[in-house]
Amino acid sequence: MASGACDVCGKTTQFGRHIRHTHGGRWERKATKKSRTFRPNVHKHRIFFGGASLRVNICTRCLKTMTKSV
């Protein structure tokens, strides 16, 4: 997997836009748009799988789901 990606679900960095809330007026004063990245909240965590301890990069959503199911 790529760095910063979740080893469980495969969630990686996504790209989007940041749009300011300064709308209105003539076309010269349109809202400014900037490119930005949305990164998953990934942590290094030890999980026990098949009697062995594995060190994985896991996002907090997968970690929450894993603790709910156990």
N, C-alpha and C. Protein backbone atom coordinates (compact mmCIF):
# COMPACT_ATOMS: atom_id res chain seq x y z
N MET A 1 0.84 -1.20 0.00
CA MET A 1 0.00 0.00 0.00
C MET A 1 0.87 1.25 0.00
N ALA A 2 0.28 2.33 -0.40
CA ALA A 2 0.98 3.61 -0.40
C ALA A 2 1.12 4.14 1.02
N SER A 3 2.08 5.02 1.21
CA SER A 3 2.25 5.59 2.54
C SER A 3 1.04 6.46 2.86
N GLY A 4 0.62 6.39 4.11
CA GLY A 4 -0.54 7.15 4.53
C GLY A 4 -1.86 6.50 4.17
N ALA A 5 -1.82 5.24 3.71
CA ALA A 5 -3.03 4.53 3.34
C ALA A 5 -3.37 3.50 4.41
N CYS A 6 -4.65 3.19 4.52
CA CYS A 6 -5.11 2.18 5.47
C CYS A 6 -4.88 0.79 4.88
N ASP A 7 -4.27 -0.10 5.66
CA ASP A 7 -4.02 -1.46 5.18
C ASP A 7 -5.28 -2.31 5.19
N VAL A 8 -6.32 -1.90 5.91
CA VAL A 8 -7.54 -2.70 6.02
C VAL A 8 -8.51 -2.36 4.90
N CYS A 9 -8.86 -1.09 4.76
CA CYS A 9 -9.87 -0.71 3.75
C CYS A 9 -9.25 -0.11 2.50
N GLY A 10 -7.96 0.26 2.55
CA GLY A 10 -7.31 0.83 1.37
C GLY A 10 -7.59 2.30 1.14
N LYS A 11 -8.10 2.99 2.15
CA LYS A 11 -8.41 4.42 2.01
C LYS A 11 -7.12 5.20 1.85
N THR A 12 -7.07 6.09 0.83
CA THR A 12 -5.88 6.89 0.56
C THR A 12 -6.26 8.36 0.49
N THR A 13 -5.30 9.19 0.13
CA THR A 13 -5.53 10.62 0.01
C THR A 13 -6.47 10.90 -1.16
N GLN A 14 -7.45 11.79 -0.91
CA GLN A 14 -8.35 12.22 -1.97
C GLN A 14 -8.16 13.71 -2.18
N PHE A 15 -8.52 14.18 -3.36
CA PHE A 15 -8.31 15.57 -3.72
C PHE A 15 -9.64 16.26 -3.93
N GLY A 16 -9.69 17.54 -3.54
CA GLY A 16 -10.92 18.31 -3.69
C GLY A 16 -10.61 19.79 -3.77
N ARG A 17 -11.65 20.60 -3.54
CA ARG A 17 -11.51 22.05 -3.62
C ARG A 17 -11.92 22.67 -2.29
N HIS A 18 -11.27 23.78 -1.95
CA HIS A 18 -11.67 24.60 -0.81
C HIS A 18 -12.27 25.87 -1.40
N ILE A 19 -13.56 26.10 -1.15
CA ILE A 19 -14.26 27.25 -1.72
C ILE A 19 -14.61 28.20 -0.58
N ARG A 20 -14.15 29.45 -0.64
CA ARG A 20 -14.44 30.43 0.40
C ARG A 20 -15.87 30.92 0.27
N HIS A 21 -16.42 31.37 1.38
CA HIS A 21 -17.81 31.81 1.41
C HIS A 21 -17.90 33.32 1.20
N THR A 22 -17.25 33.83 0.17
CA THR A 22 -17.35 35.24 -0.15
C THR A 22 -18.05 35.39 -1.50
N HIS A 23 -19.24 34.84 -1.62
CA HIS A 23 -19.99 34.90 -2.87
C HIS A 23 -20.68 36.25 -2.99
N GLY A 24 -21.21 36.52 -4.13
CA GLY A 24 -22.01 37.71 -4.32
C GLY A 24 -21.27 38.79 -5.07
N GLY A 25 -22.04 39.69 -5.67
CA GLY A 25 -21.43 40.80 -6.38
C GLY A 25 -21.17 40.47 -7.83
N ARG A 26 -20.31 41.24 -8.43
CA ARG A 26 -20.02 41.07 -9.84
C ARG A 26 -19.07 39.90 -10.06
N TRP A 27 -18.77 39.63 -11.33
CA TRP A 27 -17.97 38.44 -11.64
C TRP A 27 -16.55 38.57 -11.15
N GLU A 28 -16.04 39.79 -10.88
CA GLU A 28 -14.68 39.95 -10.38
C GLU A 28 -14.56 39.43 -8.95
N ARG A 29 -15.67 39.41 -8.21
CA ARG A 29 -15.63 39.03 -6.80
C ARG A 29 -16.19 37.62 -6.59
N LYS A 30 -15.94 36.74 -7.53
CA LYS A 30 -16.38 35.35 -7.35
C LYS A 30 -15.61 34.71 -6.20
N ALA A 31 -16.20 33.66 -5.63
CA ALA A 31 -15.54 32.95 -4.53
C ALA A 31 -14.25 32.31 -5.03
N THR A 32 -13.17 32.46 -4.25
CA THR A 32 -11.91 31.85 -4.65
C THR A 32 -11.93 30.36 -4.37
N LYS A 33 -11.31 29.61 -5.24
CA LYS A 33 -11.27 28.15 -5.12
C LYS A 33 -9.82 27.71 -5.10
N LYS A 34 -9.45 26.91 -4.10
CA LYS A 34 -8.10 26.38 -4.00
C LYS A 34 -8.15 24.87 -3.93
N SER A 35 -7.16 24.22 -4.51
CA SER A 35 -7.07 22.77 -4.42
C SER A 35 -6.58 22.38 -3.04
N ARG A 36 -7.09 21.27 -2.52
CA ARG A 36 -6.63 20.78 -1.23
C ARG A 36 -6.72 19.26 -1.21
N THR A 37 -6.15 18.66 -0.16
CA THR A 37 -6.15 17.21 -0.03
C THR A 37 -6.92 16.81 1.22
N PHE A 38 -7.59 15.68 1.14
CA PHE A 38 -8.26 15.08 2.27
C PHE A 38 -7.50 13.80 2.61
N ARG A 39 -6.83 13.78 3.75
CA ARG A 39 -6.02 12.62 4.14
C ARG A 39 -6.74 11.80 5.19
N PRO A 40 -6.67 10.48 5.11
CA PRO A 40 -7.30 9.64 6.14
C PRO A 40 -6.52 9.70 7.44
N ASN A 41 -7.21 9.53 8.55
CA ASN A 41 -6.60 9.56 9.88
C ASN A 41 -6.03 8.17 10.17
N VAL A 42 -4.77 7.97 9.78
CA VAL A 42 -4.13 6.65 9.84
C VAL A 42 -3.17 6.58 11.02
N HIS A 43 -3.25 5.45 11.76
CA HIS A 43 -2.37 5.21 12.90
C HIS A 43 -1.69 3.86 12.74
N LYS A 44 -0.49 3.73 13.31
CA LYS A 44 0.16 2.43 13.38
C LYS A 44 -0.38 1.71 14.61
N HIS A 45 -0.85 0.49 14.42
CA HIS A 45 -1.52 -0.21 15.51
C HIS A 45 -1.18 -1.70 15.42
N ARG A 46 -1.06 -2.34 16.58
CA ARG A 46 -0.83 -3.78 16.62
C ARG A 46 -2.17 -4.50 16.78
N ILE A 47 -2.42 -5.46 15.89
CA ILE A 47 -3.61 -6.28 16.02
C ILE A 47 -3.17 -7.73 16.06
N PHE A 48 -3.94 -8.54 16.78
CA PHE A 48 -3.65 -9.97 16.89
C PHE A 48 -4.51 -10.70 15.88
N PHE A 49 -3.84 -11.41 14.96
CA PHE A 49 -4.54 -12.13 13.90
C PHE A 49 -3.93 -13.51 13.78
N GLY A 50 -4.72 -14.53 14.02
CA GLY A 50 -4.24 -15.90 13.92
C GLY A 50 -3.17 -16.24 14.93
N GLY A 51 -3.22 -15.66 16.13
CA GLY A 51 -2.25 -15.94 17.17
C GLY A 51 -0.95 -15.16 17.04
N ALA A 52 -0.84 -14.34 16.01
CA ALA A 52 0.38 -13.56 15.81
C ALA A 52 0.04 -12.07 15.87
N SER A 53 1.01 -11.28 16.28
CA SER A 53 0.82 -9.85 16.37
C SER A 53 1.28 -9.21 15.06
N LEU A 54 0.39 -8.47 14.44
CA LEU A 54 0.70 -7.78 13.20
C LEU A 54 0.68 -6.27 13.44
N ARG A 55 1.62 -5.56 12.86
CA ARG A 55 1.65 -4.11 12.95
C ARG A 55 1.13 -3.54 11.63
N VAL A 56 0.00 -2.86 11.69
CA VAL A 56 -0.64 -2.38 10.48
C VAL A 56 -0.90 -0.88 10.58
N ASN A 57 -1.00 -0.24 9.43
CA ASN A 57 -1.49 1.13 9.35
C ASN A 57 -3.00 1.03 9.19
N ILE A 58 -3.74 1.58 10.16
CA ILE A 58 -5.19 1.42 10.16
C ILE A 58 -5.84 2.79 10.41
N CYS A 59 -6.89 3.07 9.66
CA CYS A 59 -7.59 4.34 9.85
C CYS A 59 -8.52 4.22 11.06
N THR A 60 -8.89 5.35 11.63
CA THR A 60 -9.66 5.34 12.86
C THR A 60 -11.06 4.77 12.65
N ARG A 61 -11.61 4.88 11.46
CA ARG A 61 -12.92 4.30 11.21
C ARG A 61 -12.87 2.78 11.26
N CYS A 62 -11.84 2.18 10.66
CA CYS A 62 -11.66 0.73 10.72
C CYS A 62 -11.39 0.27 12.15
N LEU A 63 -10.60 1.08 12.89
CA LEU A 63 -10.29 0.76 14.28
C LEU A 63 -11.54 0.77 15.14
N LYS A 64 -12.42 1.74 14.91
CA LYS A 64 -13.68 1.82 15.64
C LYS A 64 -14.57 0.63 15.31
N THR A 65 -14.65 0.27 14.04
CA THR A 65 -15.47 -0.86 13.61
C THR A 65 -14.92 -2.17 14.20
N MET A 66 -13.59 -2.29 14.25
CA MET A 66 -12.97 -3.49 14.77
C MET A 66 -13.24 -3.65 16.28
N THR A 67 -13.20 -2.56 17.02
CA THR A 67 -13.46 -2.66 18.47
C THR A 67 -14.93 -2.92 18.74
N LYS A 68 -15.82 -2.48 17.87
CA LYS A 68 -17.26 -2.75 18.05
C LYS A 68 -17.58 -4.21 17.79
N SER A 69 -16.89 -4.85 16.82
CA SER A 69 -17.21 -6.22 16.45
C SER A 69 -16.56 -7.24 17.37
N VAL A 70 -15.54 -6.85 18.13
CA VAL A 70 -14.85 -7.80 19.02
C VAL A 70 -15.51 -7.85 20.36
